[in-house]
């Protein structure tokens, strides 16, 4: 994914690409972008697995908030362990 995004930046957003490249932040930007994508995907899949639905939102908002906080924390730990701090 990072290489495709890098090519996309280079061909469609040249100024941004070269700004990141010359400031030595290109790799950091690519990792941050990929980490955010993985984080969002994990939240979605973990919420589905934990049965977090609109029905739960209507019935018990407090439980929904607790579950979503737990899901975000788990997703954050996974992304940090597998993408950020590799």
PDB file of N, CA and C in Angstrom:
ATOM      1  N   UNK A   1       0.825  -1.194   0.000  1.00  0.00           N
ATOM      2  CA  UNK A   1       0.000   0.000   0.000  1.00  0.00           C
ATOM      3  C   UNK A   1       0.860   1.245   0.000  1.00  0.00           C
ATOM      4  N   UNK A   2       1.902   1.269   0.759  1.00  0.00           N
ATOM      5  CA  UNK A   2       2.749   2.452   0.854  1.00  0.00           C
ATOM      6  C   UNK A   2       3.393   2.833  -0.466  1.00  0.00           C
ATOM      7  N   UNK A   3       3.811   1.829  -1.227  1.00  0.00           N
ATOM      8  CA  UNK A   3       4.452   2.104  -2.520  1.00  0.00           C
ATOM      9  C   UNK A   3       3.455   2.675  -3.521  1.00  0.00           C
ATOM     10  N   UNK A   4       2.232   2.158  -3.522  1.00  0.00           N
ATOM     11  CA  UNK A   4       1.204   2.699  -4.420  1.00  0.00           C
ATOM     12  C   UNK A   4       0.887   4.138  -4.062  1.00  0.00           C
ATOM     13  N   UNK A   5       0.764   4.409  -2.769  1.00  0.00           N
ATOM     14  CA  UNK A   5       0.477   5.773  -2.329  1.00  0.00           C
ATOM     15  C   UNK A   5       1.639   6.701  -2.675  1.00  0.00           C
ATOM     16  N   UNK A   6       2.853   6.198  -2.536  1.00  0.00           N
ATOM     17  CA  UNK A   6       4.035   6.989  -2.890  1.00  0.00           C
ATOM     18  C   UNK A   6       4.000   7.348  -4.380  1.00  0.00           C
ATOM     19  N   UNK A   7       3.689   6.365  -5.232  1.00  0.00           N
ATOM     20  CA  UNK A   7       3.591   6.636  -6.672  1.00  0.00           C
ATOM     21  C   UNK A   7       2.470   7.625  -6.967  1.00  0.00           C
ATOM     22  N   UNK A   8       1.354   7.487  -6.265  1.00  0.00           N
ATOM     23  CA  UNK A   8       0.231   8.406  -6.440  1.00  0.00           C
ATOM     24  C   UNK A   8       0.662   9.835  -6.074  1.00  0.00           C
ATOM     25  N   UNK A   9       1.313   9.984  -4.941  1.00  0.00           N
ATOM     26  CA  UNK A   9       1.802  11.311  -4.553  1.00  0.00           C
ATOM     27  C   UNK A   9       2.752  11.878  -5.598  1.00  0.00           C
ATOM     28  N   UNK A  10       3.681  11.036  -6.032  1.00  0.00           N
ATOM     29  CA  UNK A  10       4.696  11.488  -6.977  1.00  0.00           C
ATOM     30  C   UNK A  10       4.082  11.911  -8.305  1.00  0.00           C
ATOM     31  N   UNK A  11       3.081  11.200  -8.785  1.00  0.00           N
ATOM     32  CA  UNK A  11       2.518  11.533 -10.094  1.00  0.00           C
ATOM     33  C   UNK A  11       1.392  12.568 -10.031  1.00  0.00           C
ATOM     34  N   UNK A  12       0.650  12.624  -8.940  1.00  0.00           N
ATOM     35  CA  UNK A  12      -0.507  13.523  -8.873  1.00  0.00           C
ATOM     36  C   UNK A  12      -0.338  14.726  -7.951  1.00  0.00           C
ATOM     37  N   UNK A  13       0.574  14.632  -7.024  1.00  0.00           N
ATOM     38  CA  UNK A  13       0.787  15.731  -6.059  1.00  0.00           C
ATOM     39  C   UNK A  13       2.288  15.974  -5.929  1.00  0.00           C
ATOM     40  N   UNK A  14       2.893  16.367  -7.011  1.00  0.00           N
ATOM     41  CA  UNK A  14       4.351  16.493  -7.059  1.00  0.00           C
ATOM     42  C   UNK A  14       4.921  17.426  -5.992  1.00  0.00           C
ATOM     43  N   UNK A  15       4.297  18.567  -5.800  1.00  0.00           N
ATOM     44  CA  UNK A  15       4.818  19.533  -4.831  1.00  0.00           C
ATOM     45  C   UNK A  15       4.808  18.931  -3.431  1.00  0.00           C
ATOM     46  N   UNK A  16       3.705  18.314  -3.064  1.00  0.00           N
ATOM     47  CA  UNK A  16       3.602  17.677  -1.746  1.00  0.00           C
ATOM     48  C   UNK A  16       4.625  16.557  -1.611  1.00  0.00           C
ATOM     49  N   UNK A  17       4.744  15.729  -2.639  1.00  0.00           N
ATOM     50  CA  UNK A  17       5.700  14.624  -2.631  1.00  0.00           C
ATOM     51  C   UNK A  17       7.119  15.151  -2.412  1.00  0.00           C
ATOM     52  N   UNK A  18       7.522  16.151  -3.187  1.00  0.00           N
ATOM     53  CA  UNK A  18       8.887  16.662  -3.056  1.00  0.00           C
ATOM     54  C   UNK A  18       9.104  17.435  -1.765  1.00  0.00           C
ATOM     55  N   UNK A  19       8.059  18.032  -1.222  1.00  0.00           N
ATOM     56  CA  UNK A  19       8.183  18.671   0.091  1.00  0.00           C
ATOM     57  C   UNK A  19       8.469  17.628   1.168  1.00  0.00           C
ATOM     58  N   UNK A  20       7.716  16.520   1.133  1.00  0.00           N
ATOM     59  CA  UNK A  20       7.984  15.438   2.083  1.00  0.00           C
ATOM     60  C   UNK A  20       9.367  14.841   1.866  1.00  0.00           C
ATOM     61  N   UNK A  21       9.724  14.642   0.618  1.00  0.00           N
ATOM     62  CA  UNK A  21      11.012  14.022   0.296  1.00  0.00           C
ATOM     63  C   UNK A  21      12.181  14.888   0.751  1.00  0.00           C
ATOM     64  N   UNK A  22      12.146  16.168   0.453  1.00  0.00           N
ATOM     65  CA  UNK A  22      13.259  17.052   0.806  1.00  0.00           C
ATOM     66  C   UNK A  22      13.335  17.343   2.297  1.00  0.00           C
ATOM     67  N   UNK A  23      12.205  17.219   2.990  1.00  0.00           N
ATOM     68  CA  UNK A  23      12.235  17.451   4.434  1.00  0.00           C
ATOM     69  C   UNK A  23      12.477  16.158   5.208  1.00  0.00           C
ATOM     70  N   UNK A  24      12.761  15.073   4.482  1.00  0.00           N
ATOM     71  CA  UNK A  24      13.012  13.753   5.076  1.00  0.00           C
ATOM     72  C   UNK A  24      11.828  13.243   5.887  1.00  0.00           C
ATOM     73  N   UNK A  25      10.617  13.601   5.467  1.00  0.00           N
ATOM     74  CA  UNK A  25       9.421  13.143   6.170  1.00  0.00           C
ATOM     75  C   UNK A  25       8.549  12.243   5.308  1.00  0.00           C
ATOM     76  N   UNK A  26       9.026  11.836   4.139  1.00  0.00           N
ATOM     77  CA  UNK A  26       8.220  11.011   3.255  1.00  0.00           C
ATOM     78  C   UNK A  26       7.892   9.662   3.894  1.00  0.00           C
ATOM     79  N   UNK A  27       8.892   8.977   4.408  1.00  0.00           N
ATOM     80  CA  UNK A  27       8.670   7.671   5.032  1.00  0.00           C
ATOM     81  C   UNK A  27       7.718   7.795   6.219  1.00  0.00           C
ATOM     82  N   UNK A  28       7.930   8.814   7.029  1.00  0.00           N
ATOM     83  CA  UNK A  28       7.071   9.045   8.200  1.00  0.00           C
ATOM     84  C   UNK A  28       5.621   9.269   7.761  1.00  0.00           C
ATOM     85  N   UNK A  29       5.435  10.042   6.709  1.00  0.00           N
ATOM     86  CA  UNK A  29       4.084  10.309   6.204  1.00  0.00           C
ATOM     87  C   UNK A  29       3.436   9.033   5.683  1.00  0.00           C
ATOM     88  N   UNK A  30       4.202   8.218   4.960  1.00  0.00           N
ATOM     89  CA  UNK A  30       3.669   6.967   4.424  1.00  0.00           C
ATOM     90  C   UNK A  30       3.266   6.016   5.543  1.00  0.00           C
ATOM     91  N   UNK A  31       4.083   5.917   6.577  1.00  0.00           N
ATOM     92  CA  UNK A  31       3.777   5.041   7.718  1.00  0.00           C
ATOM     93  C   UNK A  31       2.542   5.553   8.452  1.00  0.00           C
ATOM     94  N   UNK A  32       2.459   6.876   8.677  1.00  0.00           N
ATOM     95  CA  UNK A  32       1.300   7.442   9.363  1.00  0.00           C
ATOM     96  C   UNK A  32       0.018   7.208   8.584  1.00  0.00           C
ATOM     97  N   UNK A  33       0.086   7.361   7.268  1.00  0.00           N
ATOM     98  CA  UNK A  33      -1.090   7.151   6.433  1.00  0.00           C
ATOM     99  C   UNK A  33      -1.538   5.702   6.492  1.00  0.00           C
ATOM    100  N   UNK A  34      -0.605   4.792   6.372  1.00  0.00           N
ATOM    101  CA  UNK A  34      -0.931   3.364   6.419  1.00  0.00           C
ATOM    102  C   UNK A  34      -1.463   2.969   7.802  1.00  0.00           C
ATOM    103  N   UNK A  35      -0.863   3.507   8.846  1.00  0.00           N
ATOM    104  CA  UNK A  35      -1.307   3.204  10.204  1.00  0.00           C
ATOM    105  C   UNK A  35      -2.752   3.664  10.417  1.00  0.00           C
ATOM    106  N   UNK A  36      -3.094   4.818   9.907  1.00  0.00           N
ATOM    107  CA  UNK A  36      -4.457   5.331  10.049  1.00  0.00           C
ATOM    108  C   UNK A  36      -5.460   4.442   9.304  1.00  0.00           C
ATOM    109  N   UNK A  37      -5.081   3.983   8.115  1.00  0.00           N
ATOM    110  CA  UNK A  37      -5.962   3.089   7.356  1.00  0.00           C
ATOM    111  C   UNK A  37      -6.190   1.785   8.113  1.00  0.00           C
ATOM    112  N   UNK A  38      -5.135   1.206   8.628  1.00  0.00           N
ATOM    113  CA  UNK A  38      -5.249  -0.046   9.380  1.00  0.00           C
ATOM    114  C   UNK A  38      -6.083   0.171  10.640  1.00  0.00           C
ATOM    115  N   UNK A  39      -5.876   1.289  11.317  1.00  0.00           N
ATOM    116  CA  UNK A  39      -6.620   1.614  12.531  1.00  0.00           C
ATOM    117  C   UNK A  39      -8.115   1.660  12.252  1.00  0.00           C
ATOM    118  N   UNK A  40      -8.511   2.349  11.185  1.00  0.00           N
ATOM    119  CA  UNK A  40      -9.931   2.463  10.842  1.00  0.00           C
ATOM    120  C   UNK A  40     -10.521   1.101  10.463  1.00  0.00           C
ATOM    121  N   UNK A  41      -9.774   0.299   9.716  1.00  0.00           N
ATOM    122  CA  UNK A  41     -10.242  -1.035   9.340  1.00  0.00           C
ATOM    123  C   UNK A  41     -10.413  -1.922  10.574  1.00  0.00           C
ATOM    124  N   UNK A  42      -9.463  -1.838  11.497  1.00  0.00           N
ATOM    125  CA  UNK A  42      -9.552  -2.631  12.725  1.00  0.00           C
ATOM    126  C   UNK A  42     -10.761  -2.236  13.561  1.00  0.00           C
ATOM    127  N   UNK A  43     -11.002  -0.953  13.696  1.00  0.00           N
ATOM    128  CA  UNK A  43     -12.156  -0.494  14.474  1.00  0.00           C
ATOM    129  C   UNK A  43     -13.437  -1.050  13.869  1.00  0.00           C
ATOM    130  N   UNK A  44     -13.536  -0.973  12.557  1.00  0.00           N
ATOM    131  CA  UNK A  44     -14.732  -1.467  11.880  1.00  0.00           C
ATOM    132  C   UNK A  44     -14.913  -2.973  12.104  1.00  0.00           C
ATOM    133  N   UNK A  45     -13.853  -3.740  11.911  1.00  0.00           N
ATOM    134  CA  UNK A  45     -13.990  -5.191  12.054  1.00  0.00           C
ATOM    135  C   UNK A  45     -14.209  -5.606  13.513  1.00  0.00           C
ATOM    136  N   UNK A  46     -13.533  -4.961  14.443  1.00  0.00           N
ATOM    137  CA  UNK A  46     -13.724  -5.294  15.854  1.00  0.00           C
ATOM    138  C   UNK A  46     -15.129  -4.912  16.334  1.00  0.00           C
ATOM    139  N   UNK A  47     -15.652  -3.807  15.831  1.00  0.00           N
ATOM    140  CA  UNK A  47     -17.014  -3.402  16.202  1.00  0.00           C
ATOM    141  C   UNK A  47     -18.031  -4.407  15.679  1.00  0.00           C
ATOM    142  N   UNK A  48     -17.826  -4.893  14.464  1.00  0.00           N
ATOM    143  CA  UNK A  48     -18.729  -5.913  13.921  1.00  0.00           C
ATOM    144  C   UNK A  48     -18.642  -7.197  14.745  1.00  0.00           C
ATOM    145  N   UNK A  49     -17.425  -7.577  15.101  1.00  0.00           N
ATOM    146  CA  UNK A  49     -17.223  -8.801  15.872  1.00  0.00           C
ATOM    147  C   UNK A  49     -17.856  -8.691  17.265  1.00  0.00           C
ATOM    148  N   UNK A  50     -17.845  -7.483  17.834  1.00  0.00           N
ATOM    149  CA  UNK A  50     -18.366  -7.268  19.187  1.00  0.00           C
ATOM    150  C   UNK A  50     -19.841  -6.862  19.184  1.00  0.00           C
ATOM    151  N   UNK A  51     -20.488  -6.954  18.023  1.00  0.00           N
ATOM    152  CA  UNK A  51     -21.917  -6.627  17.876  1.00  0.00           C
ATOM    153  C   UNK A  51     -22.261  -5.206  18.300  1.00  0.00           C
ATOM    154  N   UNK A  52     -21.445  -4.262  17.911  1.00  0.00           N
ATOM    155  CA  UNK A  52     -21.737  -2.856  18.156  1.00  0.00           C
ATOM    156  C   UNK A  52     -22.570  -2.377  16.969  1.00  0.00           C
ATOM    157  N   UNK A  53     -23.860  -2.135  17.224  1.00  0.00           N
ATOM    158  CA  UNK A  53     -24.799  -1.783  16.162  1.00  0.00           C
ATOM    159  C   UNK A  53     -25.592  -0.537  16.549  1.00  0.00           C
ATOM    160  N   UNK A  54     -26.378  -0.076  15.597  1.00  0.00           N
ATOM    161  CA  UNK A  54     -27.278   1.047  15.867  1.00  0.00           C
ATOM    162  C   UNK A  54     -28.329   0.656  16.908  1.00  0.00           C
ATOM    163  N   UNK A  55     -28.698  -0.609  16.918  1.00  0.00           N
ATOM    164  CA  UNK A  55     -29.660  -1.094  17.915  1.00  0.00           C
ATOM    165  C   UNK A  55     -29.084  -0.933  19.324  1.00  0.00           C
ATOM    166  N   UNK A  56     -27.813  -1.283  19.490  1.00  0.00           N
ATOM    167  CA  UNK A  56     -27.159  -1.117  20.794  1.00  0.00           C
ATOM    168  C   UNK A  56     -27.102   0.356  21.160  1.00  0.00           C
ATOM    169  N   UNK A  57     -26.841   1.196  20.179  1.00  0.00           N
ATOM    170  CA  UNK A  57     -26.783   2.642  20.416  1.00  0.00           C
ATOM    171  C   UNK A  57     -28.120   3.150  20.949  1.00  0.00           C
ATOM    172  N   UNK A  58     -29.203   2.650  20.395  1.00  0.00           N
ATOM    173  CA  UNK A  58     -30.531   3.085  20.829  1.00  0.00           C
ATOM    174  C   UNK A  58     -30.901   2.518  22.193  1.00  0.00           C
ATOM    175  N   UNK A  59     -30.464   1.293  22.467  1.00  0.00           N
ATOM    176  CA  UNK A  59     -30.860   0.630  23.706  1.00  0.00           C
ATOM    177  C   UNK A  59     -29.986   0.991  24.897  1.00  0.00           C
ATOM    178  N   UNK A  60     -28.672   1.063  24.693  1.00  0.00           N
ATOM    179  CA  UNK A  60     -27.765   1.264  25.820  1.00  0.00           C
ATOM    180  C   UNK A  60     -26.542   2.055  25.365  1.00  0.00           C
ATOM    181  N   UNK A  61     -26.659   3.354  25.377  1.00  0.00           N
ATOM    182  CA  UNK A  61     -25.585   4.225  24.904  1.00  0.00           C
ATOM    183  C   UNK A  61     -24.325   4.078  25.743  1.00  0.00           C
ATOM    184  N   UNK A  62     -24.483   3.932  27.043  1.00  0.00           N
ATOM    185  CA  UNK A  62     -23.315   3.791  27.914  1.00  0.00           C
ATOM    186  C   UNK A  62     -22.501   2.548  27.559  1.00  0.00           C
ATOM    187  N   UNK A  63     -23.185   1.425  27.319  1.00  0.00           N
ATOM    188  CA  UNK A  63     -22.497   0.190  26.932  1.00  0.00           C
ATOM    189  C   UNK A  63     -21.796   0.372  25.586  1.00  0.00           C
ATOM    190  N   UNK A  64     -22.455   1.062  24.667  1.00  0.00           N
ATOM    191  CA  UNK A  64     -21.847   1.344  23.363  1.00  0.00           C
ATOM    192  C   UNK A  64     -20.556   2.135  23.532  1.00  0.00           C
ATOM    193  N   UNK A  65     -20.581   3.151  24.354  1.00  0.00           N
ATOM    194  CA  UNK A  65     -19.392   3.980  24.584  1.00  0.00           C
ATOM    195  C   UNK A  65     -18.274   3.151  25.198  1.00  0.00           C
ATOM    196  N   UNK A  66     -18.611   2.326  26.170  1.00  0.00           N
ATOM    197  CA  UNK A  66     -17.601   1.464  26.800  1.00  0.00           C
ATOM    198  C   UNK A  66     -16.980   0.511  25.788  1.00  0.00           C
ATOM    199  N   UNK A  67     -17.819  -0.120  24.971  1.00  0.00           N
ATOM    200  CA  UNK A  67     -17.309  -1.051  23.972  1.00  0.00           C
ATOM    201  C   UNK A  67     -16.439  -0.341  22.940  1.00  0.00           C
ATOM    202  N   UNK A  68     -16.876   0.832  22.471  1.00  0.00           N
ATOM    203  CA  UNK A  68     -16.098   1.561  21.459  1.00  0.00           C
ATOM    204  C   UNK A  68     -14.762   2.051  22.021  1.00  0.00           C
ATOM    205  N   UNK A  69     -14.745   2.473  23.273  1.00  0.00           N
ATOM    206  CA  UNK A  69     -13.478   2.870  23.887  1.00  0.00           C
ATOM    207  C   UNK A  69     -12.526   1.679  23.961  1.00  0.00           C
ATOM    208  N   UNK A  70     -13.052   0.524  24.330  1.00  0.00           N
ATOM    209  CA  UNK A  70     -12.244  -0.679  24.395  1.00  0.00           C
ATOM    210  C   UNK A  70     -11.726  -1.054  23.009  1.00  0.00           C
ATOM    211  N   UNK A  71     -12.588  -0.972  22.009  1.00  0.00           N
ATOM    212  CA  UNK A  71     -12.201  -1.301  20.634  1.00  0.00           C
ATOM    213  C   UNK A  71     -11.110  -0.358  20.145  1.00  0.00           C
ATOM    214  N   UNK A  72     -11.260   0.936  20.395  1.00  0.00           N
ATOM    215  CA  UNK A  72     -10.231   1.909  19.973  1.00  0.00           C
ATOM    216  C   UNK A  72      -8.891   1.637  20.654  1.00  0.00           C
ATOM    217  N   UNK A  73      -8.940   1.303  21.936  1.00  0.00           N
ATOM    218  CA  UNK A  73      -7.700   1.002  22.648  1.00  0.00           C
ATOM    219  C   UNK A  73      -7.019  -0.249  22.084  1.00  0.00           C
ATOM    220  N   UNK A  74      -7.806  -1.266  21.811  1.00  0.00           N
ATOM    221  CA  UNK A  74      -7.246  -2.503  21.232  1.00  0.00           C
ATOM    222  C   UNK A  74      -6.657  -2.234  19.852  1.00  0.00           C
ATOM    223  N   UNK A  75      -7.389  -1.508  19.026  1.00  0.00           N
ATOM    224  CA  UNK A  75      -6.909  -1.191  17.679  1.00  0.00           C
ATOM    225  C   UNK A  75      -5.631  -0.365  17.741  1.00  0.00           C
ATOM    226  N   UNK A  76      -5.578   0.567  18.662  1.00  0.00           N
ATOM    227  CA  UNK A  76      -4.391   1.407  18.822  1.00  0.00           C
ATOM    228  C   UNK A  76      -3.173   0.567  19.212  1.00  0.00           C
ATOM    229  N   UNK A  77      -3.360  -0.361  20.140  1.00  0.00           N
ATOM    230  CA  UNK A  77      -2.256  -1.232  20.552  1.00  0.00           C
ATOM    231  C   UNK A  77      -1.777  -2.110  19.405  1.00  0.00           C
ATOM    232  N   UNK A  78      -2.707  -2.633  18.615  1.00  0.00           N
ATOM    233  CA  UNK A  78      -2.351  -3.482  17.487  1.00  0.00           C
ATOM    234  C   UNK A  78      -1.566  -2.692  16.444  1.00  0.00           C
ATOM    235  N   UNK A  79      -2.055  -1.504  16.110  1.00  0.00           N
ATOM    236  CA  UNK A  79      -1.361  -0.672  15.105  1.00  0.00           C
ATOM    237  C   UNK A  79       0.015  -0.263  15.602  1.00  0.00           C
ATOM    238  N   UNK A  80       0.118   0.109  16.857  1.00  0.00           N
ATOM    239  CA  UNK A  80       1.432   0.483  17.407  1.00  0.00           C
ATOM    240  C   UNK A  80       2.401  -0.677  17.354  1.00  0.00           C
ATOM    241  N   UNK A  81       1.937  -1.854  17.693  1.00  0.00           N
ATOM    242  CA  UNK A  81       2.815  -3.022  17.736  1.00  0.00           C
ATOM    243  C   UNK A  81       3.206  -3.504  16.347  1.00  0.00           C
ATOM    244  N   UNK A  82       2.292  -3.434  15.386  1.00  0.00           N
ATOM    245  CA  UNK A  82       2.550  -4.038  14.087  1.00  0.00           C
ATOM    246  C   UNK A  82       2.989  -3.054  13.007  1.00  0.00           C
ATOM    247  N   UNK A  83       2.711  -1.752  13.187  1.00  0.00           N
ATOM    248  CA  UNK A  83       3.053  -0.789  12.132  1.00  0.00           C
ATOM    249  C   UNK A  83       4.036   0.268  12.630  1.00  0.00           C
ATOM    250  N   UNK A  84       3.737   0.885  13.727  1.00  0.00           N
ATOM    251  CA  UNK A  84       4.541   2.022  14.186  1.00  0.00           C
ATOM    252  C   UNK A  84       5.876   1.572  14.785  1.00  0.00           C
ATOM    253  N   UNK A  85       5.842   0.661  15.746  1.00  0.00           N
ATOM    254  CA  UNK A  85       7.055   0.287  16.469  1.00  0.00           C
ATOM    255  C   UNK A  85       7.641  -1.030  15.981  1.00  0.00           C
ATOM    256  N   UNK A  86       7.695  -1.209  14.685  1.00  0.00           N
ATOM    257  CA  UNK A  86       8.252  -2.460  14.120  1.00  0.00           C
ATOM    258  C   UNK A  86       9.742  -2.402  14.108  1.00  0.00           C
TER     259      UNK A  86
END
